């Protein structure tokens, strides 16, 4: 969307810039005219399992006790 700054703020109607599946992170060039985005090679796969970890903090303390380097 176009945005005007000045004594008052004005925003125009949003418009589509890109179509496709892109990863969430992106960068905009300093002049605001170019974008760098990562497009995955393969489409995302649905999750088929959930790993539930119980007592993870106790395991962390066992493996790396406080005060040790």
PDB file of N, CA and C in Angstrom:
ATOM      1  N   UNK A   1       0.835  -1.166   0.000  1.00  0.00           N
ATOM      2  CA  UNK A   1       0.000   0.000   0.000  1.00  0.00           C
ATOM      3  C   UNK A   1       0.881   1.230   0.000  1.00  0.00           C
ATOM      4  N   UNK A   2       0.421   2.243  -0.624  1.00  0.00           N
ATOM      5  CA  UNK A   2       1.130   3.513  -0.593  1.00  0.00           C
ATOM      6  C   UNK A   2       0.826   4.212   0.722  1.00  0.00           C
ATOM      7  N   UNK A   3       1.859   4.807   1.297  1.00  0.00           N
ATOM      8  CA  UNK A   3       1.716   5.525   2.564  1.00  0.00           C
ATOM      9  C   UNK A   3       2.307   6.911   2.387  1.00  0.00           C
ATOM     10  N   UNK A   4       1.596   7.905   2.836  1.00  0.00           N
ATOM     11  CA  UNK A   4       2.095   9.273   2.790  1.00  0.00           C
ATOM     12  C   UNK A   4       2.339   9.747   4.215  1.00  0.00           C
ATOM     13  N   UNK A   5       3.501  10.339   4.416  1.00  0.00           N
ATOM     14  CA  UNK A   5       3.798  10.906   5.729  1.00  0.00           C
ATOM     15  C   UNK A   5       3.786  12.416   5.611  1.00  0.00           C
ATOM     16  N   UNK A   6       3.709  13.057   6.683  1.00  0.00           N
ATOM     17  CA  UNK A   6       3.650  14.511   6.697  1.00  0.00           C
ATOM     18  C   UNK A   6       2.861  14.941   7.914  1.00  0.00           C
ATOM     19  N   UNK A   7       2.186  16.063   7.831  1.00  0.00           N
ATOM     20  CA  UNK A   7       1.394  16.519   8.975  1.00  0.00           C
ATOM     21  C   UNK A   7       0.311  15.503   9.359  1.00  0.00           C
ATOM     22  N   UNK A   8      -0.208  14.783   8.358  1.00  0.00           N
ATOM     23  CA  UNK A   8      -1.207  13.745   8.626  1.00  0.00           C
ATOM     24  C   UNK A   8      -0.757  12.456   7.963  1.00  0.00           C
ATOM     25  N   UNK A   9      -1.214  11.344   8.510  1.00  0.00           N
ATOM     26  CA  UNK A   9      -0.884  10.027   7.974  1.00  0.00           C
ATOM     27  C   UNK A   9      -1.995   9.585   7.039  1.00  0.00           C
ATOM     28  N   UNK A  10      -1.627   9.076   5.872  1.00  0.00           N
ATOM     29  CA  UNK A  10      -2.621   8.568   4.928  1.00  0.00           C
ATOM     30  C   UNK A  10      -2.109   7.268   4.330  1.00  0.00           C
ATOM     31  N   UNK A  11      -2.947   6.244   4.327  1.00  0.00           N
ATOM     32  CA  UNK A  11      -2.592   4.954   3.742  1.00  0.00           C
ATOM     33  C   UNK A  11      -3.616   4.610   2.673  1.00  0.00           C
ATOM     34  N   UNK A  12      -3.119   4.167   1.530  1.00  0.00           N
ATOM     35  CA  UNK A  12      -3.994   3.783   0.429  1.00  0.00           C
ATOM     36  C   UNK A  12      -4.467   2.345   0.626  1.00  0.00           C
ATOM     37  N   UNK A  13      -5.293   1.878  -0.283  1.00  0.00           N
ATOM     38  CA  UNK A  13      -5.792   0.508  -0.255  1.00  0.00           C
ATOM     39  C   UNK A  13      -4.622  -0.457  -0.484  1.00  0.00           C
ATOM     40  N   UNK A  14      -4.506  -1.537   0.318  1.00  0.00           N
ATOM     41  CA  UNK A  14      -3.417  -2.508   0.112  1.00  0.00           C
ATOM     42  C   UNK A  14      -3.514  -3.145  -1.268  1.00  0.00           C
ATOM     43  N   UNK A  15      -2.348  -3.519  -1.809  1.00  0.00           N
ATOM     44  CA  UNK A  15      -2.337  -4.204  -3.103  1.00  0.00           C
ATOM     45  C   UNK A  15      -1.350  -5.363  -3.042  1.00  0.00           C
ATOM     46  N   UNK A  16      -1.617  -6.404  -3.795  1.00  0.00           N
ATOM     47  CA  UNK A  16      -0.793  -7.600  -3.832  1.00  0.00           C
ATOM     48  C   UNK A  16       0.522  -7.303  -4.544  1.00  0.00           C
ATOM     49  N   UNK A  17       1.641  -7.639  -3.895  1.00  0.00           N
ATOM     50  CA  UNK A  17       2.949  -7.451  -4.512  1.00  0.00           C
ATOM     51  C   UNK A  17       3.494  -8.747  -5.088  1.00  0.00           C
ATOM     52  N   UNK A  18       3.263  -9.865  -4.388  1.00  0.00           N
ATOM     53  CA  UNK A  18       3.837 -11.148  -4.792  1.00  0.00           C
ATOM     54  C   UNK A  18       2.809 -12.247  -4.607  1.00  0.00           C
ATOM     55  N   UNK A  19       2.893 -13.264  -5.455  1.00  0.00           N
ATOM     56  CA  UNK A  19       2.098 -14.468  -5.279  1.00  0.00           C
ATOM     57  C   UNK A  19       3.050 -15.632  -5.140  1.00  0.00           C
ATOM     58  N   UNK A  20       2.690 -16.601  -4.329  1.00  0.00           N
ATOM     59  CA  UNK A  20       3.520 -17.791  -4.180  1.00  0.00           C
ATOM     60  C   UNK A  20       3.729 -18.124  -2.725  1.00  0.00           C
ATOM     61  N   UNK A  21       4.425 -19.226  -2.505  1.00  0.00           N
ATOM     62  CA  UNK A  21       4.758 -19.679  -1.162  1.00  0.00           C
ATOM     63  C   UNK A  21       6.162 -19.205  -0.837  1.00  0.00           C
ATOM     64  N   UNK A  22       6.303 -18.367   0.176  1.00  0.00           N
ATOM     65  CA  UNK A  22       7.603 -17.863   0.585  1.00  0.00           C
ATOM     66  C   UNK A  22       7.770 -18.092   2.076  1.00  0.00           C
ATOM     67  N   UNK A  23       9.009 -18.269   2.497  1.00  0.00           N
ATOM     68  CA  UNK A  23       9.290 -18.371   3.926  1.00  0.00           C
ATOM     69  C   UNK A  23       9.001 -17.024   4.568  1.00  0.00           C
ATOM     70  N   UNK A  24       8.723 -17.011   5.886  1.00  0.00           N
ATOM     71  CA  UNK A  24       8.302 -15.758   6.523  1.00  0.00           C
ATOM     72  C   UNK A  24       9.341 -14.647   6.535  1.00  0.00           C
ATOM     73  N   UNK A  25      10.628 -14.968   6.559  1.00  0.00           N
ATOM     74  CA  UNK A  25      11.644 -13.927   6.616  1.00  0.00           C
ATOM     75  C   UNK A  25      11.896 -13.296   5.256  1.00  0.00           C
ATOM     76  N   UNK A  26      12.126 -12.008   5.233  1.00  0.00           N
ATOM     77  CA  UNK A  26      12.454 -11.310   3.990  1.00  0.00           C
ATOM     78  C   UNK A  26      13.230 -10.048   4.321  1.00  0.00           C
ATOM     79  N   UNK A  27      13.863  -9.476   3.324  1.00  0.00           N
ATOM     80  CA  UNK A  27      14.596  -8.215   3.486  1.00  0.00           C
ATOM     81  C   UNK A  27      14.169  -7.260   2.383  1.00  0.00           C
ATOM     82  N   UNK A  28      14.168  -5.985   2.695  1.00  0.00           N
ATOM     83  CA  UNK A  28      13.841  -4.938   1.725  1.00  0.00           C
ATOM     84  C   UNK A  28      15.091  -4.111   1.507  1.00  0.00           C
ATOM     85  N   UNK A  29      15.389  -3.793   0.241  1.00  0.00           N
ATOM     86  CA  UNK A  29      16.570  -2.981  -0.054  1.00  0.00           C
ATOM     87  C   UNK A  29      16.405  -1.590   0.559  1.00  0.00           C
ATOM     88  N   UNK A  30      17.522  -0.907   0.814  1.00  0.00           N
ATOM     89  CA  UNK A  30      17.436   0.427   1.435  1.00  0.00           C
ATOM     90  C   UNK A  30      16.544   1.410   0.666  1.00  0.00           C
ATOM     91  N   UNK A  31      16.494   1.280  -0.662  1.00  0.00           N
ATOM     92  CA  UNK A  31      15.657   2.203  -1.426  1.00  0.00           C
ATOM     93  C   UNK A  31      14.194   1.756  -1.487  1.00  0.00           C
ATOM     94  N   UNK A  32      13.887   0.570  -0.920  1.00  0.00           N
ATOM     95  CA  UNK A  32      12.511   0.086  -0.881  1.00  0.00           C
ATOM     96  C   UNK A  32      11.984  -0.433  -2.193  1.00  0.00           C
ATOM     97  N   UNK A  33      12.856  -0.624  -3.185  1.00  0.00           N
ATOM     98  CA  UNK A  33      12.400  -1.040  -4.507  1.00  0.00           C
ATOM     99  C   UNK A  33      12.596  -2.526  -4.781  1.00  0.00           C
ATOM    100  N   UNK A  34      13.408  -3.212  -3.955  1.00  0.00           N
ATOM    101  CA  UNK A  34      13.666  -4.636  -4.180  1.00  0.00           C
ATOM    102  C   UNK A  34      13.457  -5.411  -2.887  1.00  0.00           C
ATOM    103  N   UNK A  35      13.082  -6.677  -3.044  1.00  0.00           N
ATOM    104  CA  UNK A  35      12.848  -7.566  -1.916  1.00  0.00           C
ATOM    105  C   UNK A  35      13.675  -8.826  -2.106  1.00  0.00           C
ATOM    106  N   UNK A  36      14.191  -9.352  -1.012  1.00  0.00           N
ATOM    107  CA  UNK A  36      14.897 -10.628  -1.024  1.00  0.00           C
ATOM    108  C   UNK A  36      14.066 -11.591  -0.192  1.00  0.00           C
ATOM    109  N   UNK A  37      13.601 -12.681  -0.843  1.00  0.00           N
ATOM    110  CA  UNK A  37      12.771 -13.669  -0.160  1.00  0.00           C
ATOM    111  C   UNK A  37      13.274 -15.058  -0.517  1.00  0.00           C
ATOM    112  N   UNK A  38      13.009 -16.007   0.358  1.00  0.00           N
ATOM    113  CA  UNK A  38      13.391 -17.395   0.113  1.00  0.00           C
ATOM    114  C   UNK A  38      12.132 -18.168  -0.236  1.00  0.00           C
ATOM    115  N   UNK A  39      12.178 -18.825  -1.388  1.00  0.00           N
ATOM    116  CA  UNK A  39      11.056 -19.644  -1.816  1.00  0.00           C
ATOM    117  C   UNK A  39      11.458 -21.102  -1.639  1.00  0.00           C
ATOM    118  N   UNK A  40      10.689 -21.888  -0.860  1.00  0.00           N
ATOM    119  CA  UNK A  40      11.069 -23.278  -0.639  1.00  0.00           C
ATOM    120  C   UNK A  40      11.054 -24.073  -1.940  1.00  0.00           C
ATOM    121  N   UNK A  41      11.976 -25.049  -2.029  1.00  0.00           N
ATOM    122  CA  UNK A  41      12.059 -25.898  -3.218  1.00  0.00           C
ATOM    123  C   UNK A  41      10.888 -26.869  -3.244  1.00  0.00           C
ATOM    124  N   UNK A  42      10.545 -27.412  -2.083  1.00  0.00           N
ATOM    125  CA  UNK A  42       9.440 -28.358  -1.992  1.00  0.00           C
ATOM    126  C   UNK A  42       8.294 -27.711  -1.217  1.00  0.00           C
ATOM    127  N   UNK A  43       7.067 -28.067  -1.549  1.00  0.00           N
ATOM    128  CA  UNK A  43       5.950 -27.516  -0.776  1.00  0.00           C
ATOM    129  C   UNK A  43       6.003 -28.017   0.663  1.00  0.00           C
ATOM    130  N   UNK A  44       5.523 -27.228   1.608  1.00  0.00           N
ATOM    131  CA  UNK A  44       5.553 -27.667   3.007  1.00  0.00           C
ATOM    132  C   UNK A  44       4.715 -28.923   3.198  1.00  0.00           C
ATOM    133  N   UNK A  45       5.217 -29.815   4.031  1.00  0.00           N
ATOM    134  CA  UNK A  45       4.514 -31.061   4.323  1.00  0.00           C
ATOM    135  C   UNK A  45       3.726 -30.905   5.618  1.00  0.00           C
ATOM    136  N   UNK A  46       2.540 -31.497   5.672  1.00  0.00           N
ATOM    137  CA  UNK A  46       1.776 -31.413   6.919  1.00  0.00           C
ATOM    138  C   UNK A  46       2.464 -32.210   8.024  1.00  0.00           C
ATOM    139  N   UNK A  47       2.298 -31.764   9.246  1.00  0.00           N
ATOM    140  CA  UNK A  47       2.883 -32.475  10.387  1.00  0.00           C
ATOM    141  C   UNK A  47       2.208 -33.829  10.526  1.00  0.00           C
ATOM    142  N   UNK A  48       3.019 -34.863  10.742  1.00  0.00           N
ATOM    143  CA  UNK A  48       2.476 -36.210  10.902  1.00  0.00           C
ATOM    144  C   UNK A  48       2.607 -36.711  12.331  1.00  0.00           C
ATOM    145  N   UNK A  49       3.362 -35.979  13.161  1.00  0.00           N
ATOM    146  CA  UNK A  49       3.502 -36.388  14.554  1.00  0.00           C
ATOM    147  C   UNK A  49       3.818 -35.178  15.410  1.00  0.00           C
ATOM    148  N   UNK A  50       3.578 -35.324  16.688  1.00  0.00           N
ATOM    149  CA  UNK A  50       3.934 -34.307  17.673  1.00  0.00           C
ATOM    150  C   UNK A  50       4.798 -34.988  18.718  1.00  0.00           C
ATOM    151  N   UNK A  51       5.970 -34.428  18.993  1.00  0.00           N
ATOM    152  CA  UNK A  51       6.857 -34.962  20.024  1.00  0.00           C
ATOM    153  C   UNK A  51       6.627 -34.178  21.307  1.00  0.00           C
ATOM    154  N   UNK A  52       6.217 -34.872  22.349  1.00  0.00           N
ATOM    155  CA  UNK A  52       5.974 -34.266  23.647  1.00  0.00           C
ATOM    156  C   UNK A  52       7.116 -34.650  24.571  1.00  0.00           C
ATOM    157  N   UNK A  53       7.805 -33.657  25.104  1.00  0.00           N
ATOM    158  CA  UNK A  53       8.944 -33.903  25.988  1.00  0.00           C
ATOM    159  C   UNK A  53       8.526 -33.533  27.405  1.00  0.00           C
ATOM    160  N   UNK A  54       8.564 -34.520  28.286  1.00  0.00           N
ATOM    161  CA  UNK A  54       8.218 -34.305  29.687  1.00  0.00           C
ATOM    162  C   UNK A  54       9.489 -34.163  30.506  1.00  0.00           C
ATOM    163  N   UNK A  55       9.423 -33.392  31.558  1.00  0.00           N
ATOM    164  CA  UNK A  55      10.542 -33.216  32.488  1.00  0.00           C
ATOM    165  C   UNK A  55      11.809 -32.731  31.787  1.00  0.00           C
ATOM    166  N   UNK A  56      11.663 -31.911  30.772  1.00  0.00           N
ATOM    167  CA  UNK A  56      12.829 -31.479  30.000  1.00  0.00           C
ATOM    168  C   UNK A  56      13.765 -30.605  30.826  1.00  0.00           C
ATOM    169  N   UNK A  57      13.205 -29.817  31.752  1.00  0.00           N
ATOM    170  CA  UNK A  57      14.062 -28.946  32.538  1.00  0.00           C
ATOM    171  C   UNK A  57      14.934 -29.757  33.489  1.00  0.00           C
ATOM    172  N   UNK A  58      14.379 -30.794  34.084  1.00  0.00           N
ATOM    173  CA  UNK A  58      15.157 -31.669  34.960  1.00  0.00           C
ATOM    174  C   UNK A  58      16.280 -32.346  34.177  1.00  0.00           C
ATOM    175  N   UNK A  59      15.983 -32.767  32.963  1.00  0.00           N
ATOM    176  CA  UNK A  59      17.013 -33.393  32.119  1.00  0.00           C
ATOM    177  C   UNK A  59      18.100 -32.381  31.779  1.00  0.00           C
ATOM    178  N   UNK A  60      17.726 -31.154  31.509  1.00  0.00           N
ATOM    179  CA  UNK A  60      18.706 -30.109  31.230  1.00  0.00           C
ATOM    180  C   UNK A  60      19.593 -29.868  32.447  1.00  0.00           C
ATOM    181  N   UNK A  61      19.000 -29.785  33.621  1.00  0.00           N
ATOM    182  CA  UNK A  61      19.798 -29.596  34.837  1.00  0.00           C
ATOM    183  C   UNK A  61      20.737 -30.771  35.083  1.00  0.00           C
ATOM    184  N   UNK A  62      20.300 -31.984  34.751  1.00  0.00           N
ATOM    185  CA  UNK A  62      21.152 -33.157  34.922  1.00  0.00           C
ATOM    186  C   UNK A  62      22.341 -33.105  33.966  1.00  0.00           C
ATOM    187  N   UNK A  63      22.090 -32.714  32.728  1.00  0.00           N
ATOM    188  CA  UNK A  63      23.152 -32.687  31.718  1.00  0.00           C
ATOM    189  C   UNK A  63      24.073 -31.483  31.871  1.00  0.00           C
ATOM    190  N   UNK A  64      23.545 -30.370  32.356  1.00  0.00           N
ATOM    191  CA  UNK A  64      24.349 -29.147  32.502  1.00  0.00           C
ATOM    192  C   UNK A  64      24.023 -28.506  33.841  1.00  0.00           C
ATOM    193  N   UNK A  65      24.562 -29.045  34.926  1.00  0.00           N
ATOM    194  CA  UNK A  65      24.253 -28.488  36.248  1.00  0.00           C
ATOM    195  C   UNK A  65      24.681 -27.026  36.362  1.00  0.00           C
ATOM    196  N   UNK A  66      23.940 -26.270  37.140  1.00  0.00           N
ATOM    197  CA  UNK A  66      24.259 -24.856  37.361  1.00  0.00           C
ATOM    198  C   UNK A  66      25.624 -24.732  38.018  1.00  0.00           C
ATOM    199  N   UNK A  67      26.374 -23.719  37.623  1.00  0.00           N
ATOM    200  CA  UNK A  67      27.679 -23.453  38.226  1.00  0.00           C
ATOM    201  C   UNK A  67      28.826 -24.186  37.573  1.00  0.00           C
ATOM    202  N   UNK A  68      28.565 -25.073  36.624  1.00  0.00           N
ATOM    203  CA  UNK A  68      29.653 -25.778  35.932  1.00  0.00           C
ATOM    204  C   UNK A  68      29.822 -25.197  34.540  1.00  0.00           C
ATOM    205  N   UNK A  69      31.073 -25.188  34.087  1.00  0.00           N
ATOM    206  CA  UNK A  69      31.357 -24.693  32.735  1.00  0.00           C
ATOM    207  C   UNK A  69      31.876 -25.805  31.883  1.00  0.00           C
TER     208      UNK A  69
END
